[in-house]
Amino acid sequence: KSVMPRVFLSGNYKVETNPQKTIEIFYNPLFDPKIILLEKKPLLEPTSSQINEAKIIEYTPNKVTIETNSDAPKLLFLSDNYYPGWKATVDGAETLILKADYTFRAISVPAGKHQVIFTYDPLSFKLGIIICIFSLLSWLVILKLKT
């Protein structure tokens, strides 16, 4: 009956590389949802602190902007699906997106006030555009040679 917020900062995490164990831990009734389950160790070592603020400023299908404020390094958890093609920046510097709780996203955020931006920029889309342009140019060359 109670839910976690869509975005939050946490200093608690556990690394579990086995997907089946992650699911077992996650669905255990004694599991604390404030603990973030990760497949890899985060870049910064999160710690406990008094100030933990995270607020979504902009939310569109291809971009999510979040403002954070904390007095210690934290993990920023976003309950959107982890999917290749998403990139994250903290104050303009690219950072690693971790798979959290088996299907969501988390990143390391240093202490202080920061702007975090998640953008969807898949390589497959860029390759599709290049192939489309090449095909169109090839088609135009073939038409020109036939006339």
N, C-alpha and C. Protein backbone atom coordinates (compact mmCIF):
# COMPACT_ATOMS: atom_id res chain seq x y z
N LYS A 1 0.81 -1.20 0.00
CA LYS A 1 0.00 0.00 0.00
C LYS A 1 0.85 1.26 0.00
N SER A 2 2.12 1.13 0.33
CA SER A 2 3.01 2.29 0.24
C SER A 2 3.96 2.06 -0.93
N VAL A 3 4.36 3.14 -1.56
CA VAL A 3 5.23 3.04 -2.73
C VAL A 3 6.45 3.92 -2.53
N MET A 4 7.50 3.55 -3.22
CA MET A 4 8.71 4.36 -3.23
C MET A 4 8.52 5.48 -4.25
N PRO A 5 9.21 6.60 -4.07
CA PRO A 5 9.11 7.67 -5.07
C PRO A 5 9.73 7.26 -6.40
N ARG A 6 9.35 7.94 -7.45
CA ARG A 6 9.86 7.64 -8.80
C ARG A 6 11.38 7.87 -8.89
N VAL A 7 11.86 8.85 -8.16
CA VAL A 7 13.29 9.16 -8.13
C VAL A 7 13.68 9.46 -6.69
N PHE A 8 14.82 8.89 -6.25
CA PHE A 8 15.30 9.17 -4.89
C PHE A 8 16.80 8.93 -4.80
N LEU A 9 17.41 9.49 -3.75
CA LEU A 9 18.82 9.28 -3.46
C LEU A 9 18.94 8.27 -2.33
N SER A 10 19.95 7.41 -2.43
CA SER A 10 20.16 6.39 -1.40
C SER A 10 21.65 6.17 -1.18
N GLY A 11 21.99 5.85 0.05
CA GLY A 11 23.35 5.48 0.39
C GLY A 11 23.48 3.98 0.62
N ASN A 12 22.37 3.27 0.48
CA ASN A 12 22.36 1.82 0.73
C ASN A 12 22.25 1.05 -0.58
N TYR A 13 23.16 0.09 -0.75
CA TYR A 13 23.09 -0.75 -1.94
C TYR A 13 23.71 -2.11 -1.63
N LYS A 14 23.40 -3.05 -2.51
CA LYS A 14 23.99 -4.38 -2.43
C LYS A 14 24.29 -4.79 -3.86
N VAL A 15 25.48 -5.36 -4.09
CA VAL A 15 25.85 -5.83 -5.42
C VAL A 15 25.54 -7.32 -5.51
N GLU A 16 24.76 -7.68 -6.53
CA GLU A 16 24.43 -9.09 -6.79
C GLU A 16 24.52 -9.32 -8.29
N THR A 17 25.46 -10.16 -8.71
CA THR A 17 25.68 -10.38 -10.13
C THR A 17 24.79 -11.47 -10.72
N ASN A 18 24.20 -12.30 -9.88
CA ASN A 18 23.34 -13.38 -10.36
C ASN A 18 21.90 -12.87 -10.49
N PRO A 19 21.35 -12.80 -11.73
CA PRO A 19 19.99 -12.26 -11.91
C PRO A 19 18.92 -13.02 -11.12
N GLN A 20 19.05 -14.33 -11.01
CA GLN A 20 18.05 -15.11 -10.28
C GLN A 20 18.07 -14.76 -8.79
N LYS A 21 19.27 -14.58 -8.23
CA LYS A 21 19.38 -14.19 -6.81
C LYS A 21 18.82 -12.79 -6.59
N THR A 22 19.05 -11.92 -7.57
CA THR A 22 18.50 -10.56 -7.47
C THR A 22 16.99 -10.61 -7.36
N ILE A 23 16.35 -11.42 -8.18
CA ILE A 23 14.89 -11.54 -8.14
C ILE A 23 14.44 -12.12 -6.81
N GLU A 24 15.15 -13.14 -6.31
CA GLU A 24 14.80 -13.75 -5.03
C GLU A 24 14.91 -12.73 -3.89
N ILE A 25 15.98 -11.95 -3.89
CA ILE A 25 16.15 -10.92 -2.85
C ILE A 25 15.05 -9.88 -2.96
N PHE A 26 14.80 -9.42 -4.18
CA PHE A 26 13.82 -8.36 -4.40
C PHE A 26 12.42 -8.75 -3.95
N TYR A 27 12.05 -10.01 -4.16
CA TYR A 27 10.69 -10.45 -3.81
C TYR A 27 10.59 -11.05 -2.42
N ASN A 28 11.67 -11.03 -1.66
CA ASN A 28 11.63 -11.50 -0.28
C ASN A 28 10.82 -10.48 0.54
N PRO A 29 9.83 -10.92 1.32
CA PRO A 29 9.01 -9.98 2.08
C PRO A 29 9.81 -9.14 3.09
N LEU A 30 10.98 -9.61 3.47
CA LEU A 30 11.80 -8.87 4.44
C LEU A 30 12.75 -7.86 3.76
N PHE A 31 12.74 -7.83 2.42
CA PHE A 31 13.62 -6.93 1.69
C PHE A 31 13.24 -5.47 1.92
N ASP A 32 14.23 -4.64 2.21
CA ASP A 32 14.03 -3.20 2.40
C ASP A 32 14.15 -2.50 1.04
N PRO A 33 13.08 -1.91 0.50
CA PRO A 33 13.15 -1.29 -0.84
C PRO A 33 14.05 -0.07 -0.91
N LYS A 34 14.53 0.42 0.23
CA LYS A 34 15.47 1.54 0.20
C LYS A 34 16.88 1.08 -0.14
N ILE A 35 17.12 -0.24 -0.13
CA ILE A 35 18.39 -0.80 -0.54
C ILE A 35 18.33 -1.05 -2.04
N ILE A 36 19.26 -0.49 -2.78
CA ILE A 36 19.27 -0.64 -4.24
C ILE A 36 20.13 -1.84 -4.60
N LEU A 37 19.56 -2.76 -5.38
CA LEU A 37 20.29 -3.94 -5.84
C LEU A 37 20.97 -3.60 -7.16
N LEU A 38 22.29 -3.75 -7.22
CA LEU A 38 23.07 -3.42 -8.40
C LEU A 38 23.79 -4.63 -8.95
N GLU A 39 24.06 -4.63 -10.26
CA GLU A 39 24.86 -5.69 -10.87
C GLU A 39 26.35 -5.39 -10.79
N LYS A 40 26.71 -4.09 -10.67
CA LYS A 40 28.11 -3.66 -10.58
C LYS A 40 28.26 -2.68 -9.43
N LYS A 41 29.49 -2.59 -8.94
CA LYS A 41 29.79 -1.62 -7.88
C LYS A 41 29.73 -0.21 -8.46
N PRO A 42 29.14 0.76 -7.73
CA PRO A 42 29.04 2.13 -8.24
C PRO A 42 30.40 2.83 -8.30
N LEU A 43 30.47 3.91 -9.08
CA LEU A 43 31.72 4.67 -9.22
C LEU A 43 32.10 5.36 -7.92
N LEU A 44 31.14 5.94 -7.23
CA LEU A 44 31.37 6.58 -5.94
C LEU A 44 30.83 5.68 -4.84
N GLU A 45 31.47 5.70 -3.70
CA GLU A 45 30.98 4.92 -2.56
C GLU A 45 29.94 5.75 -1.82
N PRO A 46 28.65 5.39 -1.95
CA PRO A 46 27.60 6.16 -1.26
C PRO A 46 27.74 6.06 0.25
N THR A 47 27.35 7.12 0.94
CA THR A 47 27.39 7.15 2.39
C THR A 47 26.08 7.72 2.92
N SER A 48 25.86 7.58 4.20
CA SER A 48 24.64 8.13 4.79
C SER A 48 24.81 9.63 4.99
N SER A 49 23.69 10.34 4.95
CA SER A 49 23.71 11.79 5.11
C SER A 49 22.34 12.28 5.54
N GLN A 50 22.28 13.54 5.89
CA GLN A 50 21.02 14.15 6.33
C GLN A 50 20.24 14.74 5.16
N ILE A 51 20.94 15.29 4.17
CA ILE A 51 20.28 15.95 3.04
C ILE A 51 20.23 14.97 1.88
N ASN A 52 19.02 14.63 1.44
CA ASN A 52 18.80 13.71 0.32
C ASN A 52 17.62 14.20 -0.51
N GLU A 53 17.89 15.05 -1.47
CA GLU A 53 16.81 15.61 -2.29
C GLU A 53 17.03 15.27 -3.76
N ALA A 54 15.98 14.77 -4.39
CA ALA A 54 16.00 14.51 -5.83
C ALA A 54 14.63 14.87 -6.37
N LYS A 55 14.62 15.69 -7.43
CA LYS A 55 13.36 16.17 -7.98
C LYS A 55 13.42 16.15 -9.50
N ILE A 56 12.39 15.58 -10.12
CA ILE A 56 12.29 15.57 -11.58
C ILE A 56 11.85 16.95 -12.04
N ILE A 57 12.66 17.56 -12.92
CA ILE A 57 12.39 18.90 -13.43
C ILE A 57 11.70 18.82 -14.79
N GLU A 58 12.15 17.88 -15.62
CA GLU A 58 11.59 17.71 -16.96
C GLU A 58 11.50 16.22 -17.26
N TYR A 59 10.39 15.82 -17.85
CA TYR A 59 10.22 14.40 -18.19
C TYR A 59 9.56 14.30 -19.55
N THR A 60 10.34 13.86 -20.55
CA THR A 60 9.82 13.61 -21.89
C THR A 60 10.24 12.20 -22.30
N PRO A 61 9.72 11.67 -23.40
CA PRO A 61 10.09 10.30 -23.79
C PRO A 61 11.59 10.09 -24.03
N ASN A 62 12.32 11.13 -24.44
CA ASN A 62 13.74 10.99 -24.76
C ASN A 62 14.68 11.70 -23.80
N LYS A 63 14.11 12.36 -22.78
CA LYS A 63 14.97 13.13 -21.87
C LYS A 63 14.31 13.25 -20.50
N VAL A 64 15.13 13.01 -19.46
CA VAL A 64 14.68 13.19 -18.09
C VAL A 64 15.71 14.06 -17.38
N THR A 65 15.27 15.18 -16.82
CA THR A 65 16.17 16.09 -16.10
C THR A 65 15.80 16.05 -14.62
N ILE A 66 16.82 15.84 -13.79
CA ILE A 66 16.62 15.71 -12.35
C ILE A 66 17.61 16.63 -11.64
N GLU A 67 17.15 17.31 -10.60
CA GLU A 67 18.04 18.09 -9.75
C GLU A 67 18.21 17.34 -8.43
N THR A 68 19.47 17.26 -7.99
CA THR A 68 19.77 16.56 -6.73
C THR A 68 20.50 17.48 -5.78
N ASN A 69 20.39 17.18 -4.49
CA ASN A 69 21.13 17.89 -3.46
C ASN A 69 21.36 16.91 -2.32
N SER A 70 22.62 16.72 -1.96
CA SER A 70 22.96 15.85 -0.82
C SER A 70 24.27 16.31 -0.22
N ASP A 71 24.48 15.97 1.05
CA ASP A 71 25.72 16.37 1.71
C ASP A 71 26.76 15.25 1.71
N ALA A 72 26.51 14.20 0.90
CA ALA A 72 27.46 13.09 0.76
C ALA A 72 27.20 12.42 -0.59
N PRO A 73 28.16 11.66 -1.11
CA PRO A 73 27.92 10.92 -2.36
C PRO A 73 26.73 9.97 -2.19
N LYS A 74 25.93 9.83 -3.24
CA LYS A 74 24.72 8.99 -3.20
C LYS A 74 24.52 8.27 -4.52
N LEU A 75 23.61 7.32 -4.48
CA LEU A 75 23.11 6.69 -5.70
C LEU A 75 21.78 7.36 -6.02
N LEU A 76 21.62 7.80 -7.25
CA LEU A 76 20.34 8.34 -7.71
C LEU A 76 19.61 7.21 -8.40
N PHE A 77 18.44 6.88 -7.89
CA PHE A 77 17.61 5.80 -8.43
C PHE A 77 16.49 6.43 -9.23
N LEU A 78 16.28 5.94 -10.47
CA LEU A 78 15.17 6.37 -11.32
C LEU A 78 14.40 5.12 -11.72
N SER A 79 13.13 5.10 -11.42
CA SER A 79 12.32 3.89 -11.68
C SER A 79 11.83 3.83 -13.13
N ASP A 80 12.72 4.12 -14.06
CA ASP A 80 12.48 3.90 -15.49
C ASP A 80 13.32 2.70 -15.89
N ASN A 81 12.85 1.96 -16.89
CA ASN A 81 13.58 0.76 -17.32
C ASN A 81 14.97 1.07 -17.81
N TYR A 82 15.90 0.20 -17.42
CA TYR A 82 17.25 0.22 -17.94
C TYR A 82 17.18 -0.31 -19.37
N TYR A 83 17.76 0.42 -20.30
CA TYR A 83 17.72 -0.01 -21.70
C TYR A 83 18.92 0.58 -22.41
N PRO A 84 19.60 -0.21 -23.26
CA PRO A 84 20.74 0.34 -24.01
C PRO A 84 20.30 1.53 -24.85
N GLY A 85 21.17 2.50 -24.96
CA GLY A 85 20.84 3.71 -25.71
C GLY A 85 20.63 4.91 -24.82
N TRP A 86 20.34 4.67 -23.53
CA TRP A 86 20.21 5.77 -22.59
C TRP A 86 21.60 6.20 -22.14
N LYS A 87 21.80 7.51 -22.03
CA LYS A 87 23.05 8.08 -21.54
C LYS A 87 22.71 9.02 -20.40
N ALA A 88 23.66 9.17 -19.48
CA ALA A 88 23.43 10.06 -18.34
C ALA A 88 24.61 11.00 -18.16
N THR A 89 24.30 12.22 -17.77
CA THR A 89 25.33 13.19 -17.44
C THR A 89 25.02 13.80 -16.08
N VAL A 90 26.09 14.13 -15.36
CA VAL A 90 25.97 14.88 -14.10
C VAL A 90 26.70 16.19 -14.34
N ASP A 91 25.97 17.28 -14.36
CA ASP A 91 26.52 18.61 -14.65
C ASP A 91 27.29 18.61 -15.96
N GLY A 92 26.79 17.89 -16.97
CA GLY A 92 27.38 17.87 -18.30
C GLY A 92 28.44 16.80 -18.52
N ALA A 93 28.91 16.15 -17.46
CA ALA A 93 29.93 15.09 -17.59
C ALA A 93 29.24 13.73 -17.65
N GLU A 94 29.56 12.95 -18.70
CA GLU A 94 28.91 11.65 -18.86
C GLU A 94 29.28 10.72 -17.71
N THR A 95 28.32 9.90 -17.30
CA THR A 95 28.53 8.96 -16.21
C THR A 95 27.91 7.62 -16.54
N LEU A 96 28.33 6.60 -15.83
CA LEU A 96 27.86 5.24 -16.06
C LEU A 96 26.47 5.03 -15.47
N ILE A 97 25.58 4.43 -16.27
CA ILE A 97 24.25 4.05 -15.77
C ILE A 97 24.33 2.60 -15.32
N LEU A 98 23.91 2.35 -14.09
CA LEU A 98 23.90 1.01 -13.53
C LEU A 98 22.50 0.42 -13.58
N LYS A 99 22.42 -0.88 -13.78
CA LYS A 99 21.12 -1.56 -13.72
C LYS A 99 20.79 -1.76 -12.24
N ALA A 100 19.64 -1.24 -11.82
CA ALA A 100 19.24 -1.27 -10.42
C ALA A 100 17.95 -2.05 -10.25
N ASP A 101 17.88 -2.84 -9.20
CA ASP A 101 16.68 -3.63 -8.90
C ASP A 101 16.21 -4.43 -10.12
N TYR A 102 17.17 -4.99 -10.82
CA TYR A 102 16.98 -5.89 -11.96
C TYR A 102 16.54 -5.20 -13.25
N THR A 103 15.80 -4.09 -13.16
CA THR A 103 15.26 -3.50 -14.39
C THR A 103 15.28 -1.98 -14.44
N PHE A 104 15.71 -1.32 -13.38
CA PHE A 104 15.66 0.14 -13.33
C PHE A 104 17.06 0.75 -13.50
N ARG A 105 17.17 2.08 -13.33
CA ARG A 105 18.43 2.79 -13.54
C ARG A 105 18.91 3.46 -12.26
N ALA A 106 20.24 3.50 -12.12
CA ALA A 106 20.86 4.23 -11.01
C ALA A 106 22.20 4.78 -11.48
N ILE A 107 22.58 5.92 -10.93
CA ILE A 107 23.91 6.49 -11.20
C ILE A 107 24.49 7.01 -9.89
N SER A 108 25.81 7.13 -9.87
CA SER A 108 26.49 7.74 -8.73
C SER A 108 26.46 9.25 -8.88
N VAL A 109 26.14 9.93 -7.77
CA VAL A 109 26.09 11.39 -7.78
C VAL A 109 26.95 11.89 -6.61
N PRO A 110 27.88 12.79 -6.87
CA PRO A 110 28.70 13.32 -5.77
C PRO A 110 27.89 14.23 -4.85
N ALA A 111 28.48 14.57 -3.72
CA ALA A 111 27.83 15.48 -2.77
C ALA A 111 27.63 16.85 -3.41
N GLY A 112 26.61 17.55 -2.95
CA GLY A 112 26.33 18.89 -3.44
C GLY A 112 25.09 18.94 -4.31
N LYS A 113 24.88 20.10 -4.95
CA LYS A 113 23.75 20.28 -5.86
C LYS A 113 24.20 19.96 -7.27
N HIS A 114 23.39 19.15 -7.97
CA HIS A 114 23.75 18.73 -9.32
C HIS A 114 22.53 18.63 -10.22
N GLN A 115 22.78 18.77 -11.52
CA GLN A 115 21.75 18.52 -12.52
C GLN A 115 22.13 17.23 -13.25
N VAL A 116 21.21 16.28 -13.22
CA VAL A 116 21.40 15.00 -13.89
C VAL A 116 20.46 14.95 -15.08
N ILE A 117 21.00 14.57 -16.24
CA ILE A 117 20.17 14.47 -17.44
C ILE A 117 20.35 13.08 -18.04
N PHE A 118 19.23 12.38 -18.19
CA PHE A 118 19.20 11.11 -18.91
C PHE A 118 18.67 11.42 -20.31
N THR A 119 19.38 10.99 -21.35
CA THR A 119 18.91 11.19 -22.72
C THR A 119 18.96 9.86 -23.47
N TYR A 120 17.97 9.67 -24.33
CA TYR A 120 17.92 8.46 -25.15
C TYR A 120 18.57 8.78 -26.48
N ASP A 121 19.71 8.16 -26.73
CA ASP A 121 20.50 8.43 -27.94
C ASP A 121 21.08 7.11 -28.44
N PRO A 122 20.23 6.22 -29.00
CA PRO A 122 20.71 4.89 -29.37
C PRO A 122 21.55 4.89 -30.64
N LEU A 123 22.57 4.05 -30.67
CA LEU A 123 23.42 3.87 -31.84
C LEU A 123 22.60 3.32 -33.02
N SER A 124 21.63 2.46 -32.73
CA SER A 124 20.83 1.86 -33.80
C SER A 124 20.08 2.92 -34.61
N PHE A 125 19.64 3.98 -33.97
CA PHE A 125 18.94 5.06 -34.67
C PHE A 125 19.89 5.79 -35.62
N LYS A 126 21.11 6.06 -35.14
CA LYS A 126 22.11 6.73 -35.97
C LYS A 126 22.49 5.86 -37.17
N LEU A 127 22.67 4.57 -36.93
CA LEU A 127 22.99 3.65 -38.04
C LEU A 127 21.85 3.59 -39.05
N GLY A 128 20.62 3.61 -38.56
CA GLY A 128 19.46 3.59 -39.45
C GLY A 128 19.42 4.81 -40.35
N ILE A 129 19.74 5.97 -39.80
CA ILE A 129 19.76 7.20 -40.61
C ILE A 129 20.86 7.11 -41.67
N ILE A 130 22.04 6.63 -41.28
CA ILE A 130 23.14 6.51 -42.24
C ILE A 130 22.78 5.55 -43.36
N ILE A 131 22.21 4.41 -43.04
CA ILE A 131 21.80 3.43 -44.05
C ILE A 131 20.72 4.01 -44.96
N CYS A 132 19.78 4.73 -44.39
CA CYS A 132 18.71 5.35 -45.18
C CYS A 132 19.28 6.37 -46.17
N ILE A 133 20.19 7.22 -45.70
CA ILE A 133 20.80 8.23 -46.57
C ILE A 133 21.61 7.55 -47.68
N PHE A 134 22.41 6.56 -47.32
CA PHE A 134 23.21 5.83 -48.31
C PHE A 134 22.31 5.16 -49.35
N SER A 135 21.21 4.56 -48.91
CA SER A 135 20.27 3.90 -49.83
C SER A 135 19.63 4.92 -50.77
N LEU A 136 19.24 6.06 -50.24
CA LEU A 136 18.63 7.11 -51.05
C LEU A 136 19.62 7.63 -52.10
N LEU A 137 20.86 7.87 -51.67
CA LEU A 137 21.88 8.34 -52.62
C LEU A 137 22.16 7.28 -53.69
N SER A 138 22.23 6.03 -53.30
CA SER A 138 22.45 4.94 -54.27
C SER A 138 21.30 4.89 -55.27
N TRP A 139 20.10 5.02 -54.79
CA TRP A 139 18.92 5.00 -55.65
C TRP A 139 18.95 6.15 -56.64
N LEU A 140 19.35 7.35 -56.17
CA LEU A 140 19.44 8.51 -57.06
C LEU A 140 20.53 8.32 -58.11
N VAL A 141 21.67 7.73 -57.76
CA VAL A 141 22.74 7.47 -58.71
C VAL A 141 22.27 6.48 -59.76
N ILE A 142 21.59 5.43 -59.36
CA ILE A 142 21.07 4.42 -60.30
C ILE A 142 20.08 5.06 -61.27
N LEU A 143 19.18 5.89 -60.77
CA LEU A 143 18.22 6.60 -61.62
C LEU A 143 18.93 7.52 -62.62
N LYS A 144 19.96 8.21 -62.15
CA LYS A 144 20.72 9.12 -63.00
C LYS A 144 21.44 8.34 -64.12
N LEU A 145 22.00 7.16 -63.80
CA LEU A 145 22.70 6.34 -64.79
C LEU A 145 21.75 5.77 -65.83
N LYS A 146 20.53 5.51 -65.46
CA LYS A 146 19.54 4.92 -66.39
C LYS A 146 19.00 5.99 -67.35
N THR A 147 19.09 7.25 -67.03
CA THR A 147 18.56 8.30 -67.91
C THR A 147 19.61 8.97 -68.74
